[in-house]
N, C-alpha and C. Protein backbone atom coordinates (compact mmCIF):
# COMPACT_ATOMS: atom_id res chain seq x y z
N MET A 1 -14.57 -31.79 -6.79
CA MET A 1 -13.82 -31.39 -8.11
C MET A 1 -12.74 -29.69 -7.32
N VAL A 2 -11.70 -30.04 -7.68
CA VAL A 2 -10.92 -29.22 -8.26
C VAL A 2 -11.23 -28.35 -8.49
N THR A 3 -11.12 -26.79 -9.91
CA THR A 3 -10.88 -26.23 -10.63
C THR A 3 -10.40 -25.03 -10.50
N PRO A 4 -9.12 -24.14 -11.68
CA PRO A 4 -8.22 -23.89 -12.31
C PRO A 4 -9.00 -22.51 -11.01
N THR A 5 -10.74 -22.67 -11.68
CA THR A 5 -10.72 -21.17 -10.78
C THR A 5 -10.81 -21.12 -9.12
N THR A 6 -11.47 -22.34 -8.43
CA THR A 6 -11.14 -22.94 -7.26
C THR A 6 -10.17 -23.03 -6.76
N GLN A 7 -8.60 -23.49 -6.97
CA GLN A 7 -7.80 -23.91 -6.48
C GLN A 7 -7.13 -22.50 -6.02
N ARG A 8 -6.17 -22.46 -5.63
CA ARG A 8 -5.84 -21.65 -4.83
C ARG A 8 -4.45 -21.87 -4.59
N ARG A 9 -3.93 -21.18 -5.30
CA ARG A 9 -2.68 -21.01 -5.53
C ARG A 9 -1.26 -21.44 -3.84
N SER A 10 -2.21 -19.42 -3.68
CA SER A 10 -1.34 -19.83 -2.16
C SER A 10 -1.58 -19.53 -1.76
N LYS A 11 -1.59 -19.34 -0.52
CA LYS A 11 -2.13 -18.39 1.29
C LYS A 11 -1.29 -16.87 1.38
N TYR A 12 -0.41 -16.96 0.40
CA TYR A 12 0.43 -15.38 0.25
C TYR A 12 0.19 -15.13 -1.01
N ALA A 13 -0.15 -15.31 -2.13
CA ALA A 13 -1.45 -15.42 -3.11
C ALA A 13 -1.84 -13.69 -2.75
N PRO A 14 -1.58 -12.85 -3.45
CA PRO A 14 -1.59 -11.30 -3.43
C PRO A 14 -3.18 -11.68 -3.28
N SER A 15 -4.44 -10.49 -2.71
CA SER A 15 -5.69 -10.67 -2.75
C SER A 15 -5.96 -9.27 -4.00
N VAL A 16 -6.65 -9.52 -4.97
CA VAL A 16 -6.29 -8.38 -6.14
C VAL A 16 -7.34 -6.99 -5.62
N VAL A 17 -6.26 -5.96 -5.33
CA VAL A 17 -7.51 -4.99 -5.06
C VAL A 17 -7.96 -3.50 -5.96
N THR A 18 -8.51 -3.14 -5.86
CA THR A 18 -8.61 -1.82 -6.64
C THR A 18 -7.56 -0.87 -6.07
N LYS A 19 -7.37 0.38 -7.16
CA LYS A 19 -5.82 1.09 -6.34
C LYS A 19 -6.21 2.07 -5.12
N ASN A 20 -8.08 2.69 -4.98
CA ASN A 20 -8.44 2.68 -4.30
C ASN A 20 -8.24 2.00 -2.56
N ASP A 21 -9.10 0.58 -2.82
CA ASP A 21 -8.48 0.45 -1.98
C ASP A 21 -7.11 0.12 -1.31
N LEU A 22 -6.17 -0.32 -2.15
CA LEU A 22 -4.06 -0.19 -2.21
C LEU A 22 -4.69 1.18 -0.54
N LEU A 23 -4.20 2.27 -1.78
CA LEU A 23 -4.56 3.51 -0.97
C LEU A 23 -5.09 3.31 0.60
N GLU A 24 -6.06 2.60 0.54
CA GLU A 24 -7.35 3.15 2.27
C GLU A 24 -6.07 1.74 2.49
N LEU A 25 -5.72 1.14 2.13
CA LEU A 25 -4.72 -0.63 2.58
C LEU A 25 -3.46 0.19 3.47
N LEU A 26 -2.92 0.79 2.62
CA LEU A 26 -1.40 1.68 2.08
C LEU A 26 -1.46 3.08 4.13
N ASN A 27 -2.73 3.89 3.91
CA ASN A 27 -2.99 4.33 4.88
C ASN A 27 -3.11 3.66 5.88
N ASP A 28 -4.09 2.56 6.36
CA ASP A 28 -3.98 2.29 7.37
C ASP A 28 -2.83 1.23 7.98
N ASP A 29 -2.11 0.66 6.83
CA ASP A 29 -1.10 0.30 7.49
C ASP A 29 0.13 1.88 8.38
N PHE A 30 0.05 3.42 7.44
CA PHE A 30 0.98 4.27 7.81
C PHE A 30 -0.15 4.50 9.64
N THR A 31 -0.75 4.32 9.79
CA THR A 31 -1.43 4.31 11.43
C THR A 31 -1.26 3.66 11.76
N ARG A 32 -1.06 2.45 11.17
CA ARG A 32 -0.58 1.22 12.91
C ARG A 32 1.21 1.32 12.94
N GLU A 33 2.22 2.45 11.72
CA GLU A 33 2.68 2.58 12.74
C GLU A 33 2.99 4.12 12.72
N CYS A 34 2.21 5.02 12.70
CA CYS A 34 2.00 5.96 13.83
C CYS A 34 1.37 5.59 15.23
N ARG A 35 0.78 4.46 15.16
CA ARG A 35 0.48 3.86 16.70
C ARG A 35 1.73 3.64 17.31
N ALA A 36 2.57 2.59 16.63
CA ALA A 36 3.58 2.76 17.22
C ALA A 36 4.81 2.92 17.48
N ILE A 37 4.59 4.43 16.47
CA ILE A 37 5.50 5.71 17.08
C ILE A 37 5.02 6.00 18.43
N TYR A 38 4.00 6.13 19.06
CA TYR A 38 3.80 6.30 20.30
C TYR A 38 4.09 5.34 21.16
N ALA A 39 3.88 4.42 20.79
CA ALA A 39 4.32 3.42 21.58
C ALA A 39 5.64 3.29 22.17
N HIS A 40 6.17 3.34 21.29
CA HIS A 40 7.92 3.07 21.86
C HIS A 40 7.51 4.81 22.41
N ALA A 41 7.40 6.20 22.39
CA ALA A 41 7.59 7.04 23.11
C ALA A 41 7.20 6.60 24.39
N VAL A 42 5.86 6.51 24.58
CA VAL A 42 5.39 5.80 25.76
C VAL A 42 5.85 5.03 27.10
N PHE A 43 6.27 4.35 26.14
CA PHE A 43 7.94 2.93 26.95
C PHE A 43 9.14 3.28 27.70
N ALA A 44 9.56 5.17 26.20
CA ALA A 44 10.61 5.44 26.79
C ALA A 44 10.50 6.43 27.53
N GLU A 45 9.76 6.49 27.74
CA GLU A 45 8.87 7.90 28.91
C GLU A 45 9.03 6.87 29.79
N ARG A 46 8.62 5.98 29.95
CA ARG A 46 7.85 5.49 31.00
C ARG A 46 9.56 4.10 31.64
N LEU A 47 10.56 4.12 31.12
CA LEU A 47 11.76 3.46 31.35
C LEU A 47 12.85 4.23 31.50
N LYS A 48 12.25 5.87 31.14
CA LYS A 48 13.58 6.85 31.15
C LYS A 48 13.86 6.73 32.61
N ASP A 49 13.30 6.50 33.37
CA ASP A 49 13.94 7.45 34.67
C ASP A 49 15.05 5.62 35.34
N THR A 50 13.95 4.36 35.13
CA THR A 50 14.20 2.66 35.97
C THR A 50 15.48 2.26 34.76
N ASP A 51 15.43 2.28 34.16
CA ASP A 51 16.07 1.35 33.34
C ASP A 51 16.87 2.79 31.78
N ALA A 52 17.65 3.23 31.59
CA ALA A 52 18.23 3.59 30.77
C ALA A 52 18.66 2.98 29.51
N ALA A 53 19.12 1.90 30.59
CA ALA A 53 19.74 1.49 28.42
C ALA A 53 18.50 0.93 27.70
N THR A 54 17.42 0.61 28.23
CA THR A 54 16.19 -0.58 27.98
C THR A 54 15.61 1.27 26.79
N SER A 55 15.37 2.71 27.93
CA SER A 55 14.74 2.88 27.31
C SER A 55 15.26 3.78 26.33
N ALA A 56 16.39 4.11 26.04
CA ALA A 56 17.67 4.03 24.85
C ALA A 56 17.36 3.04 23.53
N ALA A 57 16.95 1.66 24.37
CA ALA A 57 17.61 1.05 22.83
C ALA A 57 15.50 1.19 21.91
N VAL A 58 15.07 0.98 22.96
CA VAL A 58 12.88 1.34 22.42
C VAL A 58 13.23 3.34 22.00
N THR A 59 13.90 3.84 22.29
CA THR A 59 13.98 4.90 21.50
C THR A 59 14.47 4.56 20.13
N ARG A 60 15.93 4.05 20.05
CA ARG A 60 16.98 3.68 18.69
C ARG A 60 15.70 2.58 18.02
N ALA A 61 14.47 1.89 17.97
CA ALA A 61 13.97 1.46 17.89
C ALA A 61 12.40 1.94 17.03
N GLY A 62 12.42 3.27 17.96
CA GLY A 62 10.87 4.28 17.87
C GLY A 62 11.28 5.18 15.95
N GLN A 63 13.09 5.18 16.50
CA GLN A 63 13.37 6.55 15.38
C GLN A 63 13.26 4.97 14.18
N GLU A 64 13.85 3.56 14.27
CA GLU A 64 13.77 3.56 12.76
C GLU A 64 11.94 3.46 12.26
N THR A 65 10.64 2.71 13.51
CA THR A 65 9.64 3.24 12.67
C THR A 65 9.10 4.62 12.58
N VAL A 66 9.60 5.52 12.68
CA VAL A 66 9.10 6.13 12.30
C VAL A 66 10.00 6.54 10.81
N LEU A 67 11.23 5.94 10.01
CA LEU A 67 11.97 6.20 9.86
C LEU A 67 10.95 5.01 8.12
N ALA A 68 10.40 4.25 9.34
CA ALA A 68 9.01 3.12 8.08
C ALA A 68 8.13 3.51 8.26
N SER A 69 7.44 5.07 8.66
CA SER A 69 5.59 5.55 8.45
C SER A 69 6.52 6.30 7.69
N LEU A 70 7.35 7.09 7.41
CA LEU A 70 7.72 8.60 6.51
C LEU A 70 8.52 7.65 5.36
N ALA A 71 8.95 6.73 4.72
CA ALA A 71 8.72 5.47 3.60
C ALA A 71 7.39 5.61 3.81
N LEU A 72 6.61 4.66 4.27
CA LEU A 72 5.56 4.40 3.62
C LEU A 72 4.53 5.37 3.25
N CYS A 73 4.74 6.72 3.91
CA CYS A 73 4.00 7.94 3.84
C CYS A 73 4.01 9.08 2.02
N GLN A 74 5.75 8.07 1.28
CA GLN A 74 6.12 9.03 0.59
C GLN A 74 5.66 8.16 -0.21
N LEU A 75 5.47 6.06 0.09
CA LEU A 75 5.24 5.59 -1.08
C LEU A 75 3.51 5.77 -1.43
N ILE A 76 3.20 6.48 -0.66
CA ILE A 76 1.11 6.51 -0.38
C ILE A 76 1.38 7.93 -1.86
N TYR A 77 2.08 8.83 -1.56
CA TYR A 77 2.01 9.54 -2.16
C TYR A 77 2.53 9.35 -3.64
N ASP A 78 4.11 8.45 -3.71
CA ASP A 78 4.07 8.39 -5.07
C ASP A 78 3.43 7.24 -6.17
N TYR A 79 2.22 6.90 -5.59
CA TYR A 79 1.18 5.70 -5.56
C TYR A 79 0.11 7.00 -5.96
N GLY A 80 0.16 7.79 -5.94
CA GLY A 80 -1.22 8.97 -6.14
C GLY A 80 -1.71 8.88 -5.35
N GLY A 81 -1.82 8.73 -3.85
CA GLY A 81 -2.92 8.67 -3.18
C GLY A 81 -2.32 10.16 -1.47
N VAL A 82 -3.05 9.98 -0.69
CA VAL A 82 -3.16 11.26 -0.41
C VAL A 82 -2.89 10.64 1.32
N VAL A 83 -1.93 11.22 2.15
CA VAL A 83 -2.00 9.97 3.17
C VAL A 83 -2.79 10.73 4.12
N ALA A 84 -4.01 9.68 5.27
CA ALA A 84 -5.61 10.50 5.66
C ALA A 84 -4.73 9.13 6.94
N ASN A 85 -4.22 9.97 8.14
CA ASN A 85 -4.66 8.90 9.54
C ASN A 85 -5.57 9.30 9.82
N ASP A 86 -6.05 8.25 10.64
CA ASP A 86 -7.02 7.88 11.79
C ASP A 86 -7.11 7.37 12.67
N LEU A 87 -5.64 8.52 13.14
CA LEU A 87 -5.27 7.69 14.50
C LEU A 87 -5.89 8.93 15.54
N ASP A 88 -6.11 8.30 16.55
CA ASP A 88 -6.11 9.13 17.83
C ASP A 88 -5.80 9.50 18.76
N GLU A 89 -4.95 10.64 19.65
CA GLU A 89 -3.81 10.22 19.61
C GLU A 89 -3.79 10.00 21.11
N LEU A 90 -4.76 10.70 22.28
CA LEU A 90 -5.60 9.91 23.46
C LEU A 90 -5.07 8.59 23.78
N ASN A 91 -6.28 7.80 22.67
CA ASN A 91 -5.94 7.12 22.60
C ASN A 91 -4.92 5.35 22.39
N ALA A 92 -4.10 6.06 21.27
CA ALA A 92 -2.65 5.73 20.56
C ALA A 92 -1.89 6.02 22.25
N VAL A 93 -1.76 6.65 22.95
CA VAL A 93 -1.12 6.86 24.12
C VAL A 93 -1.76 5.94 24.98
N LEU A 94 -2.79 5.90 25.52
CA LEU A 94 -3.34 4.78 26.70
C LEU A 94 -4.14 3.68 26.37
N ASN A 95 -3.05 2.92 25.07
CA ASN A 95 -3.03 2.25 24.83
C ASN A 95 -2.03 1.81 23.84
N ALA A 96 -0.92 2.12 24.17
CA ALA A 96 0.71 2.01 23.93
C ALA A 96 0.71 0.35 24.19
N ASP A 97 -0.31 -0.46 25.75
CA ASP A 97 0.16 -1.68 25.89
C ASP A 97 0.11 -2.32 23.75
N ARG A 98 -1.20 -2.08 23.21
CA ARG A 98 -1.43 -2.58 22.91
C ARG A 98 -0.47 -3.34 21.97
N VAL A 99 0.68 -2.57 21.34
CA VAL A 99 1.80 -2.10 20.17
C VAL A 99 2.90 -3.63 20.84
N ALA A 100 2.71 -3.47 22.84
CA ALA A 100 4.47 -4.29 23.02
C ALA A 100 3.51 -5.84 23.08
N GLN A 101 2.60 -6.32 22.40
CA GLN A 101 1.73 -7.51 22.86
C GLN A 101 2.73 -7.77 21.04
N ALA A 102 2.96 -9.42 22.10
CA ALA A 102 3.71 -10.46 20.45
C ALA A 102 4.07 -10.24 19.61
N GLY A 103 2.43 -10.21 19.79
CA GLY A 103 1.86 -10.47 18.13
C GLY A 103 1.51 -9.19 16.83
N TRP A 104 1.97 -8.49 18.02
CA TRP A 104 1.85 -6.89 16.88
C TRP A 104 2.38 -7.13 15.70
N THR A 105 4.61 -7.55 15.64
CA THR A 105 5.29 -7.29 15.30
C THR A 105 4.76 -8.25 13.97
N THR A 106 3.91 -9.23 14.62
CA THR A 106 4.29 -10.00 12.77
C THR A 106 3.25 -10.31 12.59
N GLU A 107 2.24 -9.20 12.99
CA GLU A 107 1.25 -8.36 12.53
C GLU A 107 1.39 -8.07 11.00
N THR A 108 1.98 -6.92 12.23
CA THR A 108 2.52 -5.40 11.26
C THR A 108 3.73 -6.43 9.73
N LEU A 109 4.11 -7.14 10.06
CA LEU A 109 5.17 -7.77 9.19
C LEU A 109 4.13 -8.61 7.59
N ARG A 110 3.08 -9.30 8.37
CA ARG A 110 1.99 -9.70 7.19
C ARG A 110 1.33 -9.41 6.94
N ARG A 111 0.38 -7.62 6.99
CA ARG A 111 0.12 -6.90 6.70
C ARG A 111 1.25 -6.43 5.17
N LEU A 112 2.10 -5.96 5.61
CA LEU A 112 3.40 -5.38 4.56
C LEU A 112 3.58 -6.22 3.49
N HIS A 113 3.75 -7.72 4.13
CA HIS A 113 3.82 -8.57 2.79
C HIS A 113 2.68 -8.40 1.74
N GLU A 114 1.38 -8.27 2.11
CA GLU A 114 0.52 -8.24 1.41
C GLU A 114 0.56 -7.12 0.66
N ARG A 115 0.89 -6.41 1.22
CA ARG A 115 0.94 -4.90 0.72
C ARG A 115 1.73 -5.28 -0.36
N ALA A 116 2.95 -5.61 -0.23
CA ALA A 116 3.34 -5.39 -1.28
C ALA A 116 3.61 -6.54 -2.61
N GLY A 117 3.00 -7.97 -2.43
CA GLY A 117 2.29 -8.60 -3.70
C GLY A 117 1.06 -7.96 -4.12
N GLN A 118 0.28 -6.73 -3.39
CA GLN A 118 -0.20 -6.35 -3.82
C GLN A 118 -0.10 -5.88 -5.32
N LEU A 119 0.90 -4.18 -4.70
CA LEU A 119 1.82 -3.64 -5.04
C LEU A 119 2.07 -4.23 -6.96
N ARG A 120 2.86 -5.33 -6.55
CA ARG A 120 3.21 -6.45 -7.31
C ARG A 120 2.38 -7.28 -8.47
N ALA A 121 1.48 -7.09 -8.06
CA ALA A 121 -0.08 -7.68 -8.94
C ALA A 121 -1.01 -6.23 -9.22
N ALA A 122 -0.63 -4.58 -8.97
CA ALA A 122 -0.85 -3.94 -9.93
C ALA A 122 -0.26 -2.59 -11.02
N GLY A 123 0.45 -4.41 -11.24
CA GLY A 123 1.71 -3.41 -11.81
C GLY A 123 2.34 -2.49 -11.67
N GLU A 124 3.05 -2.46 -10.16
CA GLU A 124 3.95 -1.46 -9.11
C GLU A 124 5.11 -2.00 -8.61
N PRO A 125 5.87 -2.94 -9.38
CA PRO A 125 7.18 -3.99 -8.90
C PRO A 125 7.71 -2.32 -8.08
N GLY A 126 8.57 -1.49 -8.55
CA GLY A 126 8.78 -0.72 -7.43
C GLY A 126 8.57 -0.14 -6.16
N LEU A 127 7.23 -0.37 -6.43
CA LEU A 127 6.76 0.24 -5.03
C LEU A 127 6.04 -0.93 -3.99
N ALA A 128 6.97 -1.89 -4.52
CA ALA A 128 6.23 -3.35 -3.86
C ALA A 128 7.78 -3.64 -3.38
N LYS A 129 9.14 -3.05 -4.48
CA LYS A 129 9.77 -3.33 -4.25
C LYS A 129 10.35 -2.57 -2.27
N ARG A 130 9.76 -1.31 -2.67
CA ARG A 130 10.47 -0.13 -1.53
C ARG A 130 9.15 -0.90 -0.40
N VAL A 131 8.06 -2.08 -0.41
CA VAL A 131 7.45 -2.49 0.93
C VAL A 131 8.75 -3.50 1.54
N ARG A 132 9.26 -3.46 0.92
CA ARG A 132 10.18 -4.92 0.76
C ARG A 132 11.57 -4.30 2.20
N ARG A 133 11.71 -2.89 1.77
CA ARG A 133 12.94 -2.78 2.41
C ARG A 133 11.91 -2.38 3.75
N ILE A 134 11.14 -0.97 3.77
CA ILE A 134 10.81 -1.29 4.86
C ILE A 134 11.00 -2.62 5.97
N ILE A 135 10.35 -3.90 5.52
CA ILE A 135 9.85 -5.24 5.74
C ILE A 135 11.52 -5.63 6.49
N ALA A 136 11.96 -5.02 5.70
CA ALA A 136 13.94 -5.94 5.82
C ALA A 136 14.66 -5.04 6.70
N ALA A 137 14.33 -4.00 7.04
CA ALA A 137 14.14 -2.81 8.41
C ALA A 137 13.55 -3.49 9.23
N LYS A 138 12.03 -3.69 9.57
CA LYS A 138 11.20 -3.56 10.69
C LYS A 138 12.62 -4.70 11.49
N ARG A 139 12.85 -5.84 10.37
CA ARG A 139 12.93 -7.21 10.64
C ARG A 139 14.53 -7.07 11.53
N ALA A 140 15.43 -5.77 10.48
CA ALA A 140 16.79 -5.78 11.85
C ALA A 140 16.98 -4.73 13.01
N VAL A 141 15.12 -4.77 13.33
CA VAL A 141 15.46 -4.19 14.99
C VAL A 141 14.79 -5.41 16.07
N LYS A 142 14.86 -4.67 16.85
CA LYS A 142 14.18 -6.16 18.13
C LYS A 142 13.32 -5.10 17.98
N PRO A 143 12.12 -6.75 18.69
CA PRO A 143 10.46 -5.46 18.45
C PRO A 143 10.31 -5.02 19.94
N LEU A 144 9.22 -4.35 19.81
CA LEU A 144 9.12 -3.38 20.87
C LEU A 144 8.36 -4.51 22.31
N ALA A 145 7.85 -5.47 21.70
CA ALA A 145 7.96 -6.56 22.97
C ALA A 145 8.73 -7.00 23.44
N GLU A 146 9.79 -7.74 22.42
CA GLU A 146 11.27 -8.01 22.64
C GLU A 146 11.29 -6.97 24.18
N LEU A 147 11.88 -6.05 23.91
CA LEU A 147 12.38 -5.21 24.47
C LEU A 147 12.11 -4.95 25.92
N VAL A 148 10.28 -5.02 26.53
CA VAL A 148 9.93 -4.64 27.31
C VAL A 148 9.71 -6.44 27.99
N VAL A 149 9.71 -7.63 26.91
CA VAL A 149 9.79 -8.38 28.19
C VAL A 149 11.06 -8.33 28.12
N ASP A 150 11.98 -8.37 28.06
CA ASP A 150 13.40 -8.50 28.31
C ASP A 150 13.79 -8.11 29.43
N ARG A 151 13.11 -6.33 29.62
CA ARG A 151 13.05 -6.13 30.45
C ARG A 151 12.50 -6.42 32.05
N GLN A 152 11.24 -7.39 32.02
CA GLN A 152 10.48 -7.57 32.91
C GLN A 152 11.12 -8.63 33.17
N ARG A 153 12.34 -9.79 32.48
CA ARG A 153 12.67 -10.53 32.59
C ARG A 153 13.83 -10.93 33.03
N SER A 154 14.30 -8.93 33.35
CA SER A 154 15.34 -9.24 34.60
C SER A 154 15.80 -8.35 35.84
N GLY A 155 13.89 -8.61 35.93
CA GLY A 155 13.45 -8.39 36.98
C GLY A 155 13.35 -7.00 37.42
N ALA A 156 13.68 -6.18 36.20
CA ALA A 156 13.55 -4.78 36.54
C ALA A 156 11.78 -3.89 36.36
N LYS A 157 11.38 -3.22 37.24
CA LYS A 157 9.90 -3.24 37.33
C LYS A 157 10.22 -1.21 37.56
């Protein structure tokens, strides 16, 4: 028998977390954005001489990622936290291909949706709205995986 306390409201229902936990999760999201910035830079550099158009598209997508990371950074500060980037730069450069995998953007968007729900649950609807703006901006840009796959499909190497 399902009781009201064991019934799950929705698979999208935000999990309740403490402010410190939420700040840690936001910092993880910020680190993820920083990893994506490095990946965009790596791919823009790789493609610069062989496919200038794709390199320019990757650069534009990377600029949008920079804006998203800055928005997350400001959000962390506005929530009363301190930005802590736990990214190893060499590791980010060497593992740029992970960001270019198809599931990276989907997972990033899922995490950001979760953060928006958690911020709403924490009584911060304004901050949640800012996270939703980041999500909307990310959806408006073609993911790195698609840019790289499109280039591979065209036969360019």
